[in-house]
């Protein structure tokens, strides 16, 4: 009987509250901002099919006032990828040439340089640990 009461009490007890995942800082440095007009758009992605042109989990727009742009995100440790472009003319979009080739400077995490098609998430993937991370991206 004591065994049944213990088992019954186990089912009625509340589960222990789980702590929210710890957050850390992800700092992005964008280098080689050639013209000091317009804005630099930084898109942060988690693994999935949206990279690089879909909806990011978070994005930032930073005025292009220096040759190097620095900004931070607060993220959970894990896998990420970043896509960046410099909207030099301030029209709010990435201007492209024929066949979708970008006219404006762009870059990806790991300084990946696509040849004939958009990069895959795995090409630009990096890990953020509990201690945070700084990622440097060179615009082309």
C-alpha atoms as a PDB file:
ATOM      1  CA  UNK A   1       0.000   0.000   0.000  1.00  0.00           C
ATOM      2  CA  UNK A   2       2.842   2.362   0.856  1.00  0.00           C
ATOM      3  CA  UNK A   3       4.273   1.638  -2.596  1.00  0.00           C
ATOM      4  CA  UNK A   4       0.984   2.659  -4.279  1.00  0.00           C
ATOM      5  CA  UNK A   5       0.742   5.861  -2.230  1.00  0.00           C
ATOM      6  CA  UNK A   6       4.328   6.774  -3.161  1.00  0.00           C
ATOM      7  CA  UNK A   7       3.613   6.125  -6.833  1.00  0.00           C
ATOM      8  CA  UNK A   8       0.398   8.183  -6.654  1.00  0.00           C
ATOM      9  CA  UNK A   9       2.260  11.075  -4.969  1.00  0.00           C
ATOM     10  CA  UNK A  10       4.886  10.943  -7.723  1.00  0.00           C
ATOM     11  CA  UNK A  11       2.233  11.440 -10.407  1.00  0.00           C
ATOM     12  CA  UNK A  12       0.607  14.336  -8.553  1.00  0.00           C
ATOM     13  CA  UNK A  13       3.802  16.235  -7.856  1.00  0.00           C
ATOM     14  CA  UNK A  14       4.677  19.206 -10.039  1.00  0.00           C
ATOM     15  CA  UNK A  15       7.635  18.838 -12.358  1.00  0.00           C
ATOM     16  CA  UNK A  16      10.658  20.881 -11.390  1.00  0.00           C
ATOM     17  CA  UNK A  17      10.713  24.220 -13.209  1.00  0.00           C
ATOM     18  CA  UNK A  18      13.272  24.347 -15.984  1.00  0.00           C
ATOM     19  CA  UNK A  19      15.600  27.304 -16.195  1.00  0.00           C
ATOM     20  CA  UNK A  20      15.505  29.305 -19.422  1.00  0.00           C
ATOM     21  CA  UNK A  21      18.525  28.702 -21.651  1.00  0.00           C
ATOM     22  CA  UNK A  22      21.518  30.877 -20.816  1.00  0.00           C
ATOM     23  CA  UNK A  23      22.182  33.772 -23.173  1.00  0.00           C
ATOM     24  CA  UNK A  24      25.530  35.049 -24.338  1.00  0.00           C
ATOM     25  CA  UNK A  25      26.903  37.832 -26.531  1.00  0.00           C
ATOM     26  CA  UNK A  26      27.575  37.450 -30.247  1.00  0.00           C
ATOM     27  CA  UNK A  27      29.563  40.410 -31.586  1.00  0.00           C
ATOM     28  CA  UNK A  28      29.699  41.067 -35.330  1.00  0.00           C
ATOM     29  CA  UNK A  29      32.453  43.153 -36.910  1.00  0.00           C
ATOM     30  CA  UNK A  30      31.914  44.104 -40.552  1.00  0.00           C
ATOM     31  CA  UNK A  31      35.112  45.270 -42.276  1.00  0.00           C
ATOM     32  CA  UNK A  32      35.759  47.022 -45.598  1.00  0.00           C
ATOM     33  CA  UNK A  33      32.780  49.399 -45.635  1.00  0.00           C
ATOM     34  CA  UNK A  34      33.945  51.328 -48.704  1.00  0.00           C
ATOM     35  CA  UNK A  35      31.477  54.206 -48.853  1.00  0.00           C
ATOM     36  CA  UNK A  36      30.230  56.006 -45.764  1.00  0.00           C
ATOM     37  CA  UNK A  37      26.633  56.340 -46.875  1.00  0.00           C
ATOM     38  CA  UNK A  38      23.588  54.102 -46.681  1.00  0.00           C
ATOM     39  CA  UNK A  39      23.374  51.321 -44.110  1.00  0.00           C
ATOM     40  CA  UNK A  40      24.776  47.883 -43.404  1.00  0.00           C
ATOM     41  CA  UNK A  41      22.169  45.144 -42.903  1.00  0.00           C
ATOM     42  CA  UNK A  42      23.140  42.167 -40.747  1.00  0.00           C
ATOM     43  CA  UNK A  43      20.933  39.043 -40.712  1.00  0.00           C
ATOM     44  CA  UNK A  44      21.378  36.274 -38.133  1.00  0.00           C
ATOM     45  CA  UNK A  45      20.176  32.757 -39.001  1.00  0.00           C
ATOM     46  CA  UNK A  46      19.747  29.431 -37.181  1.00  0.00           C
ATOM     47  CA  UNK A  47      20.024  26.124 -39.091  1.00  0.00           C
ATOM     48  CA  UNK A  48      17.263  25.729 -41.635  1.00  0.00           C
ATOM     49  CA  UNK A  49      16.156  26.354 -45.173  1.00  0.00           C
ATOM     50  CA  UNK A  50      15.816  30.154 -44.855  1.00  0.00           C
ATOM     51  CA  UNK A  51      19.518  30.992 -45.219  1.00  0.00           C
ATOM     52  CA  UNK A  52      20.601  33.342 -46.771  1.00  0.00           C
ATOM     53  CA  UNK A  53      17.589  35.059 -48.358  1.00  0.00           C
ATOM     54  CA  UNK A  54      14.768  33.992 -46.059  1.00  0.00           C
ATOM     55  CA  UNK A  55      13.612  35.444 -42.778  1.00  0.00           C
ATOM     56  CA  UNK A  56      16.415  35.670 -40.195  1.00  0.00           C
ATOM     57  CA  UNK A  57      15.818  35.058 -36.500  1.00  0.00           C
ATOM     58  CA  UNK A  58      17.123  38.571 -35.898  1.00  0.00           C
ATOM     59  CA  UNK A  59      18.452  41.423 -37.988  1.00  0.00           C
ATOM     60  CA  UNK A  60      20.029  44.817 -37.518  1.00  0.00           C
ATOM     61  CA  UNK A  61      20.457  47.906 -39.643  1.00  0.00           C
ATOM     62  CA  UNK A  62      23.552  49.967 -38.814  1.00  0.00           C
ATOM     63  CA  UNK A  63      24.354  53.319 -40.455  1.00  0.00           C
ATOM     64  CA  UNK A  64      27.546  53.152 -42.526  1.00  0.00           C
ATOM     65  CA  UNK A  65      29.526  55.844 -40.704  1.00  0.00           C
ATOM     66  CA  UNK A  66      32.899  54.049 -40.413  1.00  0.00           C
ATOM     67  CA  UNK A  67      35.014  51.608 -42.432  1.00  0.00           C
ATOM     68  CA  UNK A  68      34.304  49.049 -39.718  1.00  0.00           C
ATOM     69  CA  UNK A  69      30.838  48.400 -38.249  1.00  0.00           C
ATOM     70  CA  UNK A  70      30.401  46.648 -34.908  1.00  0.00           C
ATOM     71  CA  UNK A  71      27.161  45.415 -33.336  1.00  0.00           C
ATOM     72  CA  UNK A  72      26.030  42.672 -30.950  1.00  0.00           C
ATOM     73  CA  UNK A  73      23.217  40.173 -30.566  1.00  0.00           C
ATOM     74  CA  UNK A  74      22.184  38.368 -27.381  1.00  0.00           C
ATOM     75  CA  UNK A  75      21.810  34.695 -28.302  1.00  0.00           C
ATOM     76  CA  UNK A  76      21.593  31.207 -26.850  1.00  0.00           C
ATOM     77  CA  UNK A  77      24.683  29.061 -27.383  1.00  0.00           C
ATOM     78  CA  UNK A  78      24.354  27.099 -30.622  1.00  0.00           C
ATOM     79  CA  UNK A  79      24.915  27.091 -34.359  1.00  0.00           C
ATOM     80  CA  UNK A  80      24.422  30.240 -36.453  1.00  0.00           C
ATOM     81  CA  UNK A  81      25.226  31.826 -39.820  1.00  0.00           C
ATOM     82  CA  UNK A  82      25.285  35.494 -40.847  1.00  0.00           C
ATOM     83  CA  UNK A  83      24.557  37.294 -44.105  1.00  0.00           C
ATOM     84  CA  UNK A  84      25.512  40.974 -44.491  1.00  0.00           C
ATOM     85  CA  UNK A  85      25.106  43.580 -47.217  1.00  0.00           C
ATOM     86  CA  UNK A  86      25.860  47.288 -47.539  1.00  0.00           C
ATOM     87  CA  UNK A  87      22.897  49.195 -48.971  1.00  0.00           C
ATOM     88  CA  UNK A  88      25.067  51.965 -50.390  1.00  0.00           C
ATOM     89  CA  UNK A  89      22.252  53.905 -52.055  1.00  0.00           C
ATOM     90  CA  UNK A  90      19.843  53.630 -49.108  1.00  0.00           C
ATOM     91  CA  UNK A  91      16.929  52.127 -51.048  1.00  0.00           C
ATOM     92  CA  UNK A  92      16.367  49.382 -48.438  1.00  0.00           C
ATOM     93  CA  UNK A  93      17.172  46.440 -50.706  1.00  0.00           C
ATOM     94  CA  UNK A  94      20.098  44.551 -52.193  1.00  0.00           C
ATOM     95  CA  UNK A  95      20.538  45.798 -55.755  1.00  0.00           C
ATOM     96  CA  UNK A  96      21.400  43.029 -58.214  1.00  0.00           C
ATOM     97  CA  UNK A  97      22.760  42.704 -61.724  1.00  0.00           C
ATOM     98  CA  UNK A  98      21.631  40.300 -64.358  1.00  0.00           C
ATOM     99  CA  UNK A  99      21.297  36.695 -63.122  1.00  0.00           C
ATOM    100  CA  UNK A 100      20.922  37.923 -59.513  1.00  0.00           C
ATOM    101  CA  UNK A 101      24.568  38.878 -58.982  1.00  0.00           C
ATOM    102  CA  UNK A 102      24.762  41.536 -56.231  1.00  0.00           C
ATOM    103  CA  UNK A 103      25.767  45.075 -57.233  1.00  0.00           C
ATOM    104  CA  UNK A 104      26.324  46.167 -53.647  1.00  0.00           C
ATOM    105  CA  UNK A 105      28.957  44.856 -51.227  1.00  0.00           C
ATOM    106  CA  UNK A 106      28.005  41.729 -49.272  1.00  0.00           C
ATOM    107  CA  UNK A 107      29.567  39.099 -47.055  1.00  0.00           C
ATOM    108  CA  UNK A 108      28.906  35.955 -45.043  1.00  0.00           C
ATOM    109  CA  UNK A 109      30.201  34.443 -41.836  1.00  0.00           C
ATOM    110  CA  UNK A 110      33.423  32.448 -42.246  1.00  0.00           C
ATOM    111  CA  UNK A 111      34.149  34.995 -45.018  1.00  0.00           C
ATOM    112  CA  UNK A 112      32.643  32.457 -47.399  1.00  0.00           C
ATOM    113  CA  UNK A 113      32.732  33.645 -51.028  1.00  0.00           C
ATOM    114  CA  UNK A 114      30.098  31.981 -53.211  1.00  0.00           C
ATOM    115  CA  UNK A 115      31.114  31.201 -56.780  1.00  0.00           C
ATOM    116  CA  UNK A 116      27.984  30.557 -58.846  1.00  0.00           C
ATOM    117  CA  UNK A 117      25.153  30.236 -56.349  1.00  0.00           C
ATOM    118  CA  UNK A 118      24.065  31.363 -52.907  1.00  0.00           C
ATOM    119  CA  UNK A 119      25.909  29.683 -50.028  1.00  0.00           C
ATOM    120  CA  UNK A 120      24.453  26.877 -47.960  1.00  0.00           C
ATOM    121  CA  UNK A 121      24.051  27.264 -44.211  1.00  0.00           C
ATOM    122  CA  UNK A 122      26.862  24.744 -43.678  1.00  0.00           C
ATOM    123  CA  UNK A 123      29.270  26.957 -45.670  1.00  0.00           C
ATOM    124  CA  UNK A 124      28.807  29.840 -43.238  1.00  0.00           C
ATOM    125  CA  UNK A 125      28.006  27.992 -40.011  1.00  0.00           C
ATOM    126  CA  UNK A 126      29.801  28.779 -36.750  1.00  0.00           C
ATOM    127  CA  UNK A 127      29.272  27.895 -33.094  1.00  0.00           C
ATOM    128  CA  UNK A 128      28.596  30.240 -30.211  1.00  0.00           C
ATOM    129  CA  UNK A 129      29.550  28.841 -26.803  1.00  0.00           C
ATOM    130  CA  UNK A 130      28.708  29.964 -23.287  1.00  0.00           C
ATOM    131  CA  UNK A 131      31.538  32.511 -23.361  1.00  0.00           C
ATOM    132  CA  UNK A 132      30.220  34.381 -26.394  1.00  0.00           C
ATOM    133  CA  UNK A 133      31.919  34.940 -29.729  1.00  0.00           C
ATOM    134  CA  UNK A 134      33.147  37.649 -32.095  1.00  0.00           C
ATOM    135  CA  UNK A 135      32.688  37.089 -35.834  1.00  0.00           C
ATOM    136  CA  UNK A 136      34.524  39.215 -38.412  1.00  0.00           C
ATOM    137  CA  UNK A 137      33.078  39.564 -41.907  1.00  0.00           C
ATOM    138  CA  UNK A 138      34.865  41.197 -44.842  1.00  0.00           C
ATOM    139  CA  UNK A 139      32.568  42.876 -47.386  1.00  0.00           C
ATOM    140  CA  UNK A 140      33.237  42.224 -51.070  1.00  0.00           C
END
